[in-house]
Amino acid sequence: MRTLARLFGWLVLLALTGWLLTVVAVYLYGRRDEARPAGAIVVLGAAHYDGRPSPVLRARLDHALDLYRRGYAPVLIMTGGTAPGDTVSEAVVARRYAVRAGVPPDAVLTERGGENTLESMRAVARLMRQRGLEGALLVSDPFHMLRLRLLALRLGLPAATSPTRSSPISADPAVEWRHVLRESFSLPATLLGLTG
């Protein structure tokens, strides 16, 4: 009985250590900006309000537009599906925002079918292969970067990450840590194929 209790204690300690390492990895990786030339800048979707980008989505879009204007890629790919009650997808809202900001319409592609990060990344990888686009520069919030990078690796999509620094999530440490902690559970589940 004592041996079983000791084994259980070691397993709990191991699981806790693994989780803490995941938290640190998510936080630290989100601080890296690997921006380099790519075939496309991929913007991960976020909420919108009746066709207007939320502050989180706008921060991602503004960062992607800055990268585009600096010549990191000739194409933008906007992702994001339709939430219940929406009449338009996140990807379409993002595309409209980019076109209004001066990006030529034929330089903005959309992926609207993904209902979660994994589905969006699969669709992006497929779209990029169909278009002959080499390498993705992934744009999202810092807490999202490690999962995106690992999903790209799993999908065989050469990718680098460039997190936005102007998101309201990053502006509030309490909110940011809440997202980092949530991501520390999402990351292993996604990599094990249990969720997207």
N, C-alpha and C. Protein backbone atom coordinates (compact mmCIF):
# COMPACT_ATOMS: atom_id res chain seq x y z
N MET A 1 0.82 -1.21 0.00
CA MET A 1 0.00 0.00 0.00
C MET A 1 0.86 1.26 0.00
N ARG A 2 1.93 1.24 0.84
CA ARG A 2 2.82 2.39 0.92
C ARG A 2 3.53 2.62 -0.42
N THR A 3 3.91 1.52 -1.10
CA THR A 3 4.58 1.63 -2.40
C THR A 3 3.64 2.26 -3.43
N LEU A 4 2.38 1.87 -3.38
CA LEU A 4 1.38 2.42 -4.30
C LEU A 4 1.20 3.92 -4.06
N ALA A 5 1.14 4.31 -2.79
CA ALA A 5 0.99 5.73 -2.45
C ALA A 5 2.21 6.52 -2.91
N ARG A 6 3.40 5.94 -2.73
CA ARG A 6 4.62 6.62 -3.17
C ARG A 6 4.63 6.78 -4.69
N LEU A 7 4.23 5.74 -5.39
CA LEU A 7 4.16 5.79 -6.86
C LEU A 7 3.18 6.86 -7.31
N PHE A 8 2.02 6.90 -6.64
CA PHE A 8 1.02 7.91 -6.97
C PHE A 8 1.58 9.31 -6.74
N GLY A 9 2.28 9.50 -5.63
CA GLY A 9 2.90 10.79 -5.32
C GLY A 9 3.89 11.21 -6.39
N TRP A 10 4.71 10.26 -6.86
CA TRP A 10 5.67 10.57 -7.92
C TRP A 10 4.97 10.93 -9.23
N LEU A 11 3.89 10.22 -9.52
CA LEU A 11 3.13 10.53 -10.75
C LEU A 11 2.51 11.92 -10.69
N VAL A 12 1.98 12.29 -9.53
CA VAL A 12 1.40 13.63 -9.36
C VAL A 12 2.49 14.69 -9.51
N LEU A 13 3.65 14.44 -8.90
CA LEU A 13 4.76 15.38 -8.99
C LEU A 13 5.24 15.53 -10.43
N LEU A 14 5.31 14.41 -11.13
CA LEU A 14 5.73 14.43 -12.54
C LEU A 14 4.73 15.21 -13.40
N ALA A 15 3.44 14.97 -13.17
CA ALA A 15 2.41 15.67 -13.93
C ALA A 15 2.45 17.17 -13.64
N LEU A 16 2.62 17.53 -12.38
CA LEU A 16 2.68 18.94 -12.00
C LEU A 16 3.91 19.62 -12.61
N THR A 17 5.05 18.93 -12.59
CA THR A 17 6.27 19.47 -13.19
C THR A 17 6.09 19.67 -14.69
N GLY A 18 5.49 18.68 -15.35
CA GLY A 18 5.23 18.79 -16.79
C GLY A 18 4.32 19.97 -17.11
N TRP A 19 3.29 20.16 -16.28
CA TRP A 19 2.37 21.27 -16.51
C TRP A 19 3.08 22.61 -16.32
N LEU A 20 3.89 22.72 -15.24
CA LEU A 20 4.61 23.98 -15.00
C LEU A 20 5.59 24.28 -16.13
N LEU A 21 6.25 23.27 -16.66
CA LEU A 21 7.15 23.47 -17.80
C LEU A 21 6.37 23.95 -19.02
N THR A 22 5.16 23.43 -19.21
CA THR A 22 4.32 23.86 -20.32
C THR A 22 3.93 25.33 -20.16
N VAL A 23 3.57 25.73 -18.94
CA VAL A 23 3.23 27.13 -18.67
C VAL A 23 4.41 28.04 -19.03
N VAL A 24 5.60 27.67 -18.58
CA VAL A 24 6.79 28.48 -18.85
C VAL A 24 7.07 28.52 -20.36
N ALA A 25 6.94 27.39 -21.02
CA ALA A 25 7.20 27.33 -22.47
C ALA A 25 6.23 28.21 -23.24
N VAL A 26 4.94 28.15 -22.89
CA VAL A 26 3.93 28.98 -23.57
C VAL A 26 4.27 30.46 -23.38
N TYR A 27 4.60 30.84 -22.16
CA TYR A 27 4.89 32.24 -21.87
C TYR A 27 6.15 32.71 -22.60
N LEU A 28 7.22 31.96 -22.49
CA LEU A 28 8.50 32.39 -23.08
C LEU A 28 8.45 32.37 -24.61
N TYR A 29 7.82 31.36 -25.19
CA TYR A 29 7.77 31.30 -26.65
C TYR A 29 6.97 32.48 -27.20
N GLY A 30 5.97 32.92 -26.47
CA GLY A 30 5.18 34.07 -26.89
C GLY A 30 5.96 35.37 -26.90
N ARG A 31 7.12 35.38 -26.27
CA ARG A 31 7.97 36.58 -26.25
C ARG A 31 8.89 36.64 -27.47
N ARG A 32 8.96 35.56 -28.25
CA ARG A 32 9.85 35.51 -29.41
C ARG A 32 9.15 36.03 -30.65
N ASP A 33 9.86 36.79 -31.44
CA ASP A 33 9.35 37.22 -32.74
C ASP A 33 10.32 36.69 -33.79
N GLU A 34 9.85 35.73 -34.57
CA GLU A 34 10.69 35.08 -35.58
C GLU A 34 10.44 35.61 -36.98
N ALA A 35 9.87 36.81 -37.08
CA ALA A 35 9.47 37.35 -38.38
C ALA A 35 10.59 37.23 -39.41
N ARG A 36 10.26 36.61 -40.53
CA ARG A 36 11.18 36.47 -41.67
C ARG A 36 10.35 36.33 -42.93
N PRO A 37 10.95 36.58 -44.09
CA PRO A 37 10.18 36.48 -45.33
C PRO A 37 9.51 35.11 -45.48
N ALA A 38 8.28 35.13 -46.00
CA ALA A 38 7.49 33.91 -46.15
C ALA A 38 6.60 34.04 -47.37
N GLY A 39 5.96 32.93 -47.73
CA GLY A 39 5.02 32.95 -48.84
C GLY A 39 3.73 33.66 -48.49
N ALA A 40 3.35 33.58 -47.20
CA ALA A 40 2.09 34.21 -46.77
C ALA A 40 2.16 34.55 -45.29
N ILE A 41 1.50 35.63 -44.93
CA ILE A 41 1.28 35.98 -43.53
C ILE A 41 -0.10 35.43 -43.18
N VAL A 42 -0.17 34.58 -42.17
CA VAL A 42 -1.42 33.93 -41.77
C VAL A 42 -1.91 34.56 -40.47
N VAL A 43 -3.11 35.12 -40.50
CA VAL A 43 -3.68 35.76 -39.33
C VAL A 43 -4.74 34.85 -38.73
N LEU A 44 -4.54 34.45 -37.49
CA LEU A 44 -5.53 33.61 -36.81
C LEU A 44 -6.70 34.46 -36.36
N GLY A 45 -7.89 33.95 -36.60
CA GLY A 45 -9.10 34.70 -36.33
C GLY A 45 -9.38 34.94 -34.86
N ALA A 46 -10.23 35.91 -34.61
CA ALA A 46 -10.74 36.23 -33.27
C ALA A 46 -12.12 36.86 -33.48
N ALA A 47 -12.79 37.15 -32.40
CA ALA A 47 -14.17 37.63 -32.48
C ALA A 47 -14.30 38.94 -33.25
N HIS A 48 -15.51 39.13 -33.75
CA HIS A 48 -15.88 40.42 -34.34
C HIS A 48 -17.27 40.77 -33.83
N TYR A 49 -17.60 42.06 -33.92
CA TYR A 49 -18.90 42.54 -33.46
C TYR A 49 -19.66 43.11 -34.64
N ASP A 50 -20.61 42.35 -35.14
CA ASP A 50 -21.43 42.79 -36.27
C ASP A 50 -20.58 43.28 -37.44
N GLY A 51 -19.54 42.53 -37.74
CA GLY A 51 -18.69 42.87 -38.88
C GLY A 51 -17.54 43.80 -38.57
N ARG A 52 -17.43 44.25 -37.33
CA ARG A 52 -16.29 45.08 -36.93
C ARG A 52 -15.33 44.24 -36.10
N PRO A 53 -14.04 44.26 -36.43
CA PRO A 53 -13.08 43.45 -35.66
C PRO A 53 -13.08 43.84 -34.18
N SER A 54 -13.04 42.85 -33.32
CA SER A 54 -12.86 43.11 -31.89
C SER A 54 -11.47 43.72 -31.68
N PRO A 55 -11.20 44.32 -30.53
CA PRO A 55 -9.86 44.86 -30.29
C PRO A 55 -8.76 43.79 -30.44
N VAL A 56 -9.04 42.56 -30.05
CA VAL A 56 -8.04 41.49 -30.19
C VAL A 56 -7.78 41.20 -31.66
N LEU A 57 -8.84 41.06 -32.45
CA LEU A 57 -8.66 40.80 -33.87
C LEU A 57 -7.99 41.99 -34.56
N ARG A 58 -8.38 43.20 -34.20
CA ARG A 58 -7.77 44.39 -34.81
C ARG A 58 -6.26 44.45 -34.52
N ALA A 59 -5.86 44.09 -33.31
CA ALA A 59 -4.42 44.09 -32.97
C ALA A 59 -3.67 43.09 -33.85
N ARG A 60 -4.25 41.92 -34.05
CA ARG A 60 -3.61 40.92 -34.92
C ARG A 60 -3.52 41.44 -36.36
N LEU A 61 -4.60 42.04 -36.83
CA LEU A 61 -4.63 42.54 -38.20
C LEU A 61 -3.65 43.70 -38.40
N ASP A 62 -3.59 44.60 -37.45
CA ASP A 62 -2.65 45.73 -37.58
C ASP A 62 -1.21 45.24 -37.61
N HIS A 63 -0.91 44.23 -36.81
CA HIS A 63 0.46 43.68 -36.82
C HIS A 63 0.74 43.00 -38.17
N ALA A 64 -0.22 42.24 -38.66
CA ALA A 64 -0.05 41.57 -39.96
C ALA A 64 0.11 42.58 -41.08
N LEU A 65 -0.67 43.66 -41.04
CA LEU A 65 -0.57 44.70 -42.07
C LEU A 65 0.80 45.37 -42.03
N ASP A 66 1.32 45.58 -40.83
CA ASP A 66 2.66 46.15 -40.71
C ASP A 66 3.71 45.22 -41.34
N LEU A 67 3.59 43.93 -41.07
CA LEU A 67 4.52 42.95 -41.67
C LEU A 67 4.37 42.93 -43.19
N TYR A 68 3.14 43.00 -43.67
CA TYR A 68 2.88 43.01 -45.12
C TYR A 68 3.52 44.24 -45.77
N ARG A 69 3.31 45.40 -45.17
CA ARG A 69 3.87 46.64 -45.73
C ARG A 69 5.39 46.65 -45.70
N ARG A 70 5.97 45.93 -44.75
CA ARG A 70 7.42 45.85 -44.66
C ARG A 70 7.99 44.77 -45.60
N GLY A 71 7.12 44.13 -46.35
CA GLY A 71 7.55 43.20 -47.39
C GLY A 71 7.87 41.79 -46.94
N TYR A 72 7.32 41.37 -45.80
CA TYR A 72 7.60 40.01 -45.32
C TYR A 72 6.92 38.94 -46.17
N ALA A 73 5.80 39.26 -46.80
CA ALA A 73 5.10 38.29 -47.66
C ALA A 73 4.21 39.05 -48.63
N PRO A 74 3.95 38.44 -49.81
CA PRO A 74 3.10 39.11 -50.80
C PRO A 74 1.61 38.83 -50.61
N VAL A 75 1.29 37.92 -49.69
CA VAL A 75 -0.10 37.47 -49.53
C VAL A 75 -0.45 37.41 -48.05
N LEU A 76 -1.69 37.76 -47.74
CA LEU A 76 -2.25 37.58 -46.40
C LEU A 76 -3.30 36.48 -46.47
N ILE A 77 -3.31 35.60 -45.49
CA ILE A 77 -4.37 34.58 -45.38
C ILE A 77 -5.09 34.82 -44.06
N MET A 78 -6.39 35.12 -44.14
CA MET A 78 -7.21 35.37 -42.96
C MET A 78 -7.98 34.11 -42.61
N THR A 79 -7.99 33.75 -41.34
CA THR A 79 -8.69 32.54 -40.91
C THR A 79 -9.83 32.90 -39.96
N GLY A 80 -10.71 31.95 -39.76
CA GLY A 80 -11.77 32.12 -38.78
C GLY A 80 -13.14 31.88 -39.36
N GLY A 81 -13.90 31.07 -38.67
CA GLY A 81 -15.23 30.71 -39.13
C GLY A 81 -16.30 31.64 -38.59
N THR A 82 -17.52 31.10 -38.53
CA THR A 82 -18.69 31.86 -38.10
C THR A 82 -19.18 31.31 -36.77
N ALA A 83 -19.28 32.18 -35.78
CA ALA A 83 -19.80 31.79 -34.47
C ALA A 83 -21.32 31.82 -34.52
N PRO A 84 -21.98 31.13 -33.58
CA PRO A 84 -23.44 31.17 -33.55
C PRO A 84 -23.95 32.61 -33.49
N GLY A 85 -24.89 32.95 -34.37
CA GLY A 85 -25.45 34.29 -34.42
C GLY A 85 -24.75 35.22 -35.39
N ASP A 86 -23.55 34.84 -35.85
CA ASP A 86 -22.83 35.67 -36.82
C ASP A 86 -23.42 35.51 -38.22
N THR A 87 -23.40 36.59 -38.98
CA THR A 87 -23.84 36.52 -40.37
C THR A 87 -22.65 36.50 -41.32
N VAL A 88 -21.45 36.72 -40.77
CA VAL A 88 -20.24 36.75 -41.58
C VAL A 88 -19.11 36.13 -40.76
N SER A 89 -18.16 35.53 -41.45
CA SER A 89 -17.05 34.86 -40.75
C SER A 89 -15.99 35.84 -40.30
N GLU A 90 -15.18 35.41 -39.34
CA GLU A 90 -14.03 36.20 -38.88
C GLU A 90 -13.09 36.48 -40.05
N ALA A 91 -12.89 35.48 -40.91
CA ALA A 91 -11.97 35.64 -42.04
C ALA A 91 -12.44 36.73 -42.99
N VAL A 92 -13.74 36.79 -43.26
CA VAL A 92 -14.27 37.81 -44.17
C VAL A 92 -14.16 39.19 -43.54
N VAL A 93 -14.44 39.30 -42.25
CA VAL A 93 -14.29 40.58 -41.55
C VAL A 93 -12.84 41.04 -41.63
N ALA A 94 -11.91 40.12 -41.41
CA ALA A 94 -10.48 40.44 -41.47
C ALA A 94 -10.08 40.88 -42.88
N ARG A 95 -10.60 40.19 -43.89
CA ARG A 95 -10.28 40.53 -45.28
C ARG A 95 -10.76 41.95 -45.61
N ARG A 96 -11.98 42.26 -45.21
CA ARG A 96 -12.52 43.61 -45.45
C ARG A 96 -11.64 44.68 -44.80
N TYR A 97 -11.20 44.40 -43.59
CA TYR A 97 -10.36 45.35 -42.85
C TYR A 97 -9.05 45.58 -43.61
N ALA A 98 -8.44 44.51 -44.10
CA ALA A 98 -7.17 44.62 -44.83
C ALA A 98 -7.35 45.37 -46.14
N VAL A 99 -8.42 45.08 -46.86
CA VAL A 99 -8.66 45.75 -48.14
C VAL A 99 -8.92 47.24 -47.91
N ARG A 100 -9.71 47.57 -46.87
CA ARG A 100 -9.94 48.98 -46.55
C ARG A 100 -8.63 49.69 -46.18
N ALA A 101 -7.67 48.92 -45.64
CA ALA A 101 -6.38 49.49 -45.24
C ALA A 101 -5.42 49.62 -46.43
N GLY A 102 -5.88 49.22 -47.63
CA GLY A 102 -5.07 49.42 -48.82
C GLY A 102 -4.42 48.19 -49.42
N VAL A 103 -4.68 47.02 -48.86
CA VAL A 103 -4.11 45.79 -49.43
C VAL A 103 -4.93 45.41 -50.67
N PRO A 104 -4.29 45.13 -51.80
CA PRO A 104 -5.06 44.73 -52.98
C PRO A 104 -5.92 43.49 -52.69
N PRO A 105 -7.17 43.48 -53.13
CA PRO A 105 -8.07 42.36 -52.84
C PRO A 105 -7.49 41.00 -53.25
N ASP A 106 -6.75 40.95 -54.36
CA ASP A 106 -6.23 39.64 -54.78
C ASP A 106 -5.03 39.19 -53.94
N ALA A 107 -4.58 40.03 -53.00
CA ALA A 107 -3.48 39.65 -52.10
C ALA A 107 -3.99 39.19 -50.75
N VAL A 108 -5.34 39.07 -50.61
CA VAL A 108 -5.92 38.64 -49.34
C VAL A 108 -6.78 37.40 -49.57
N LEU A 109 -6.33 36.28 -49.06
CA LEU A 109 -7.07 35.02 -49.17
C LEU A 109 -7.79 34.75 -47.86
N THR A 110 -8.87 33.96 -47.91
CA THR A 110 -9.60 33.62 -46.69
C THR A 110 -9.73 32.12 -46.54
N GLU A 111 -9.72 31.70 -45.28
CA GLU A 111 -10.01 30.32 -44.90
C GLU A 111 -11.10 30.45 -43.84
N ARG A 112 -12.33 30.07 -44.23
CA ARG A 112 -13.48 30.32 -43.35
C ARG A 112 -14.05 29.08 -42.69
N GLY A 113 -13.54 27.92 -43.02
CA GLY A 113 -14.18 26.69 -42.55
C GLY A 113 -13.75 26.22 -41.18
N GLY A 114 -12.61 26.67 -40.70
CA GLY A 114 -12.10 26.16 -39.43
C GLY A 114 -12.91 26.61 -38.24
N GLU A 115 -13.31 25.65 -37.42
CA GLU A 115 -14.05 25.98 -36.20
C GLU A 115 -13.14 26.01 -34.99
N ASN A 116 -11.88 25.63 -35.18
CA ASN A 116 -10.90 25.72 -34.10
C ASN A 116 -9.51 25.89 -34.73
N THR A 117 -8.51 26.04 -33.92
CA THR A 117 -7.16 26.32 -34.41
C THR A 117 -6.64 25.20 -35.30
N LEU A 118 -6.84 23.96 -34.88
CA LEU A 118 -6.34 22.83 -35.67
C LEU A 118 -6.99 22.80 -37.05
N GLU A 119 -8.30 22.94 -37.11
CA GLU A 119 -8.99 22.93 -38.41
C GLU A 119 -8.53 24.08 -39.30
N SER A 120 -8.35 25.26 -38.71
CA SER A 120 -7.88 26.41 -39.48
C SER A 120 -6.48 26.16 -40.02
N MET A 121 -5.61 25.62 -39.19
CA MET A 121 -4.24 25.37 -39.62
C MET A 121 -4.19 24.29 -40.71
N ARG A 122 -5.03 23.27 -40.59
CA ARG A 122 -5.10 22.25 -41.66
C ARG A 122 -5.52 22.88 -42.98
N ALA A 123 -6.54 23.72 -42.92
CA ALA A 123 -7.05 24.37 -44.13
C ALA A 123 -6.01 25.32 -44.71
N VAL A 124 -5.29 26.03 -43.86
CA VAL A 124 -4.23 26.94 -44.33
C VAL A 124 -3.14 26.14 -45.04
N ALA A 125 -2.71 25.04 -44.44
CA ALA A 125 -1.67 24.21 -45.06
C ALA A 125 -2.12 23.72 -46.43
N ARG A 126 -3.38 23.31 -46.52
CA ARG A 126 -3.93 22.84 -47.80
C ARG A 126 -3.97 23.97 -48.83
N LEU A 127 -4.47 25.14 -48.41
CA LEU A 127 -4.56 26.30 -49.28
C LEU A 127 -3.19 26.73 -49.78
N MET A 128 -2.22 26.73 -48.90
CA MET A 128 -0.87 27.15 -49.29
C MET A 128 -0.26 26.18 -50.29
N ARG A 129 -0.49 24.89 -50.08
CA ARG A 129 0.01 23.90 -51.05
C ARG A 129 -0.65 24.09 -52.41
N GLN A 130 -1.98 24.31 -52.41
CA GLN A 130 -2.70 24.51 -53.67
C GLN A 130 -2.20 25.74 -54.42
N ARG A 131 -1.85 26.78 -53.70
CA ARG A 131 -1.40 28.04 -54.31
C ARG A 131 0.11 28.07 -54.55
N GLY A 132 0.82 27.04 -54.12
CA GLY A 132 2.27 27.01 -54.29
C GLY A 132 2.99 28.03 -53.42
N LEU A 133 2.43 28.35 -52.26
CA LEU A 133 3.03 29.32 -51.35
C LEU A 133 3.97 28.60 -50.38
N GLU A 134 5.19 29.05 -50.29
CA GLU A 134 6.20 28.40 -49.45
C GLU A 134 6.39 29.15 -48.14
N GLY A 135 6.09 28.52 -47.05
CA GLY A 135 6.36 29.08 -45.73
C GLY A 135 5.31 30.08 -45.27
N ALA A 136 4.95 29.96 -43.99
CA ALA A 136 3.94 30.84 -43.40
C ALA A 136 4.56 31.65 -42.27
N LEU A 137 4.11 32.88 -42.15
CA LEU A 137 4.45 33.72 -41.00
C LEU A 137 3.15 33.86 -40.20
N LEU A 138 3.09 33.22 -39.05
CA LEU A 138 1.86 33.09 -38.27
C LEU A 138 1.71 34.26 -37.30
N VAL A 139 0.55 34.90 -37.34
CA VAL A 139 0.28 36.07 -36.49
C VAL A 139 -0.92 35.78 -35.59
N SER A 140 -0.71 35.98 -34.30
CA SER A 140 -1.78 35.84 -33.31
C SER A 140 -1.30 36.53 -32.04
N ASP A 141 -1.97 36.24 -30.92
CA ASP A 141 -1.52 36.75 -29.63
C ASP A 141 -0.35 35.92 -29.11
N PRO A 142 0.49 36.48 -28.25
CA PRO A 142 1.65 35.73 -27.76
C PRO A 142 1.33 34.36 -27.16
N PHE A 143 0.26 34.27 -26.36
CA PHE A 143 -0.06 32.99 -25.72
C PHE A 143 -0.35 31.87 -26.72
N HIS A 144 -0.69 32.21 -27.94
CA HIS A 144 -1.11 31.26 -28.98
C HIS A 144 0.06 30.72 -29.80
N MET A 145 1.21 31.38 -29.72
CA MET A 145 2.31 31.13 -30.65
C MET A 145 2.88 29.72 -30.61
N LEU A 146 3.11 29.18 -29.42
CA LEU A 146 3.74 27.86 -29.33
C LEU A 146 2.84 26.79 -29.93
N ARG A 147 1.56 26.85 -29.63
CA ARG A 147 0.64 25.85 -30.19
C ARG A 147 0.59 25.96 -31.72
N LEU A 148 0.55 27.19 -32.24
CA LEU A 148 0.54 27.38 -33.69
C LEU A 148 1.80 26.80 -34.33
N ARG A 149 2.93 27.07 -33.72
CA ARG A 149 4.20 26.60 -34.28
C ARG A 149 4.26 25.07 -34.28
N LEU A 150 3.82 24.46 -33.21
CA LEU A 150 3.84 22.99 -33.12
C LEU A 150 2.82 22.36 -34.07
N LEU A 151 1.66 22.99 -34.22
CA LEU A 151 0.67 22.48 -35.17
C LEU A 151 1.21 22.57 -36.59
N ALA A 152 1.86 23.68 -36.92
CA ALA A 152 2.45 23.82 -38.26
C ALA A 152 3.47 22.71 -38.50
N LEU A 153 4.29 22.45 -37.51
CA LEU A 153 5.29 21.38 -37.61
C LEU A 153 4.60 20.03 -37.84
N ARG A 154 3.56 19.77 -37.07
CA ARG A 154 2.81 18.52 -37.20
C ARG A 154 2.17 18.37 -38.59
N LEU A 155 1.76 19.50 -39.18
CA LEU A 155 1.09 19.48 -40.48
C LEU A 155 2.06 19.59 -41.65
N GLY A 156 3.35 19.66 -41.35
CA GLY A 156 4.35 19.77 -42.41
C GLY A 156 4.37 21.13 -43.09
N LEU A 157 3.96 22.15 -42.37
CA LEU A 157 3.91 23.51 -42.91
C LEU A 157 5.10 24.30 -42.36
N PRO A 158 6.07 24.63 -43.21
CA PRO A 158 7.19 25.46 -42.73
C PRO A 158 6.64 26.79 -42.23
N ALA A 159 6.98 27.17 -41.01
CA ALA A 159 6.38 28.36 -40.43
C ALA A 159 7.29 29.03 -39.43
N ALA A 160 7.07 30.33 -39.27
CA ALA A 160 7.68 31.13 -38.22
C ALA A 160 6.55 31.89 -37.54
N THR A 161 6.79 32.41 -36.35
CA THR A 161 5.73 33.10 -35.62
C THR A 161 6.11 34.55 -35.35
N SER A 162 5.09 35.41 -35.34
CA SER A 162 5.29 36.83 -35.04
C SER A 162 4.08 37.31 -34.25
N PRO A 163 4.18 37.35 -32.92
CA PRO A 163 3.04 37.74 -32.10
C PRO A 163 2.79 39.24 -32.11
N THR A 164 1.52 39.60 -32.01
CA THR A 164 1.19 41.02 -31.87
C THR A 164 1.54 41.47 -30.45
N ARG A 165 1.98 42.68 -30.32
CA ARG A 165 2.31 43.24 -29.00
C ARG A 165 1.25 44.22 -28.52
N SER A 166 0.27 44.53 -29.37
CA SER A 166 -0.70 45.58 -29.02
C SER A 166 -2.07 45.03 -28.61
N SER A 167 -2.17 43.72 -28.42
CA SER A 167 -3.46 43.14 -28.04
C SER A 167 -3.86 43.57 -26.63
N PRO A 168 -5.15 43.79 -26.41
CA PRO A 168 -5.60 44.10 -25.04
C PRO A 168 -5.32 42.96 -24.07
N ILE A 169 -5.18 41.75 -24.59
CA ILE A 169 -4.84 40.61 -23.73
C ILE A 169 -3.46 40.81 -23.11
N SER A 170 -2.50 41.26 -23.92
CA SER A 170 -1.14 41.47 -23.43
C SER A 170 -1.03 42.71 -22.54
N ALA A 171 -1.97 43.63 -22.69
CA ALA A 171 -1.91 44.88 -21.92
C ALA A 171 -2.25 44.69 -20.45
N ASP A 172 -2.97 43.63 -20.13
CA ASP A 172 -3.40 43.38 -18.75
C ASP A 172 -2.76 42.07 -18.28
N PRO A 173 -1.76 42.14 -17.37
CA PRO A 173 -1.06 40.92 -16.93
C PRO A 173 -1.98 39.83 -16.39
N ALA A 174 -3.04 40.21 -15.68
CA ALA A 174 -3.95 39.20 -15.13
C ALA A 174 -4.67 38.46 -16.26
N VAL A 175 -5.12 39.20 -17.26
CA VAL A 175 -5.80 38.59 -18.41
C VAL A 175 -4.82 37.73 -19.20
N GLU A 176 -3.61 38.25 -19.39
CA GLU A 176 -2.61 37.49 -20.14
C GLU A 176 -2.29 36.16 -19.46
N TRP A 177 -2.09 36.18 -18.15
CA TRP A 177 -1.77 34.94 -17.44
C TRP A 177 -2.95 33.96 -17.46
N ARG A 178 -4.16 34.49 -17.45
CA ARG A 178 -5.33 33.60 -17.55
C ARG A 178 -5.30 32.86 -18.89
N HIS A 179 -4.94 33.58 -19.97
CA HIS A 179 -4.84 32.95 -21.29
C HIS A 179 -3.67 31.98 -21.37
N VAL A 180 -2.55 32.34 -20.74
CA VAL A 180 -1.38 31.44 -20.73
C VAL A 180 -1.74 30.15 -20.00
N LEU A 181 -2.40 30.25 -18.86
CA LEU A 181 -2.76 29.05 -18.10
C LEU A 181 -3.75 28.19 -18.87
N ARG A 182 -4.73 28.83 -19.51
CA ARG A 182 -5.68 28.06 -20.32
C ARG A 182 -4.96 27.35 -21.46
N GLU A 183 -4.04 28.08 -22.08
CA GLU A 183 -3.27 27.50 -23.19
C GLU A 183 -2.40 26.33 -22.73
N SER A 184 -1.94 26.37 -21.48
CA SER A 184 -1.10 25.29 -20.97
C SER A 184 -1.86 23.97 -20.90
N PHE A 185 -3.19 24.03 -20.87
CA PHE A 185 -4.01 22.82 -20.93
C PHE A 185 -4.39 22.49 -22.37
N SER A 186 -4.65 23.53 -23.18
CA SER A 186 -5.03 23.31 -24.57
C SER A 186 -3.90 22.71 -25.39
N LEU A 187 -2.68 23.16 -25.12
CA LEU A 187 -1.53 22.72 -25.92
C LEU A 187 -1.35 21.21 -25.89
N PRO A 188 -1.25 20.56 -24.73
CA PRO A 188 -1.08 19.10 -24.73
C PRO A 188 -2.28 18.38 -25.35
N ALA A 189 -3.49 18.89 -25.07
CA ALA A 189 -4.69 18.24 -25.63
C ALA A 189 -4.69 18.31 -27.15
N THR A 190 -4.30 19.45 -27.69
CA THR A 190 -4.24 19.61 -29.15
C THR A 190 -3.21 18.68 -29.75
N LEU A 191 -2.04 18.64 -29.13
CA LEU A 191 -0.96 17.82 -29.67
C LEU A 191 -1.28 16.33 -29.60
N LEU A 192 -2.10 15.94 -28.63
CA LEU A 192 -2.51 14.54 -28.51
C LEU A 192 -3.73 14.24 -29.39
N GLY A 193 -4.23 15.27 -30.10
CA GLY A 193 -5.37 15.07 -30.98
C GLY A 193 -6.69 15.00 -30.26
N LEU A 194 -6.75 15.45 -29.00
CA LEU A 194 -7.99 15.37 -28.23
C LEU A 194 -8.90 16.56 -28.48
N THR A 195 -8.33 17.66 -28.96
CA THR A 195 -9.11 18.86 -29.23
C THR A 195 -8.38 19.69 -30.27
N GLY A 196 -9.06 20.72 -30.79
CA GLY A 196 -8.46 21.59 -31.80
C GLY A 196 -7.96 22.86 -31.20
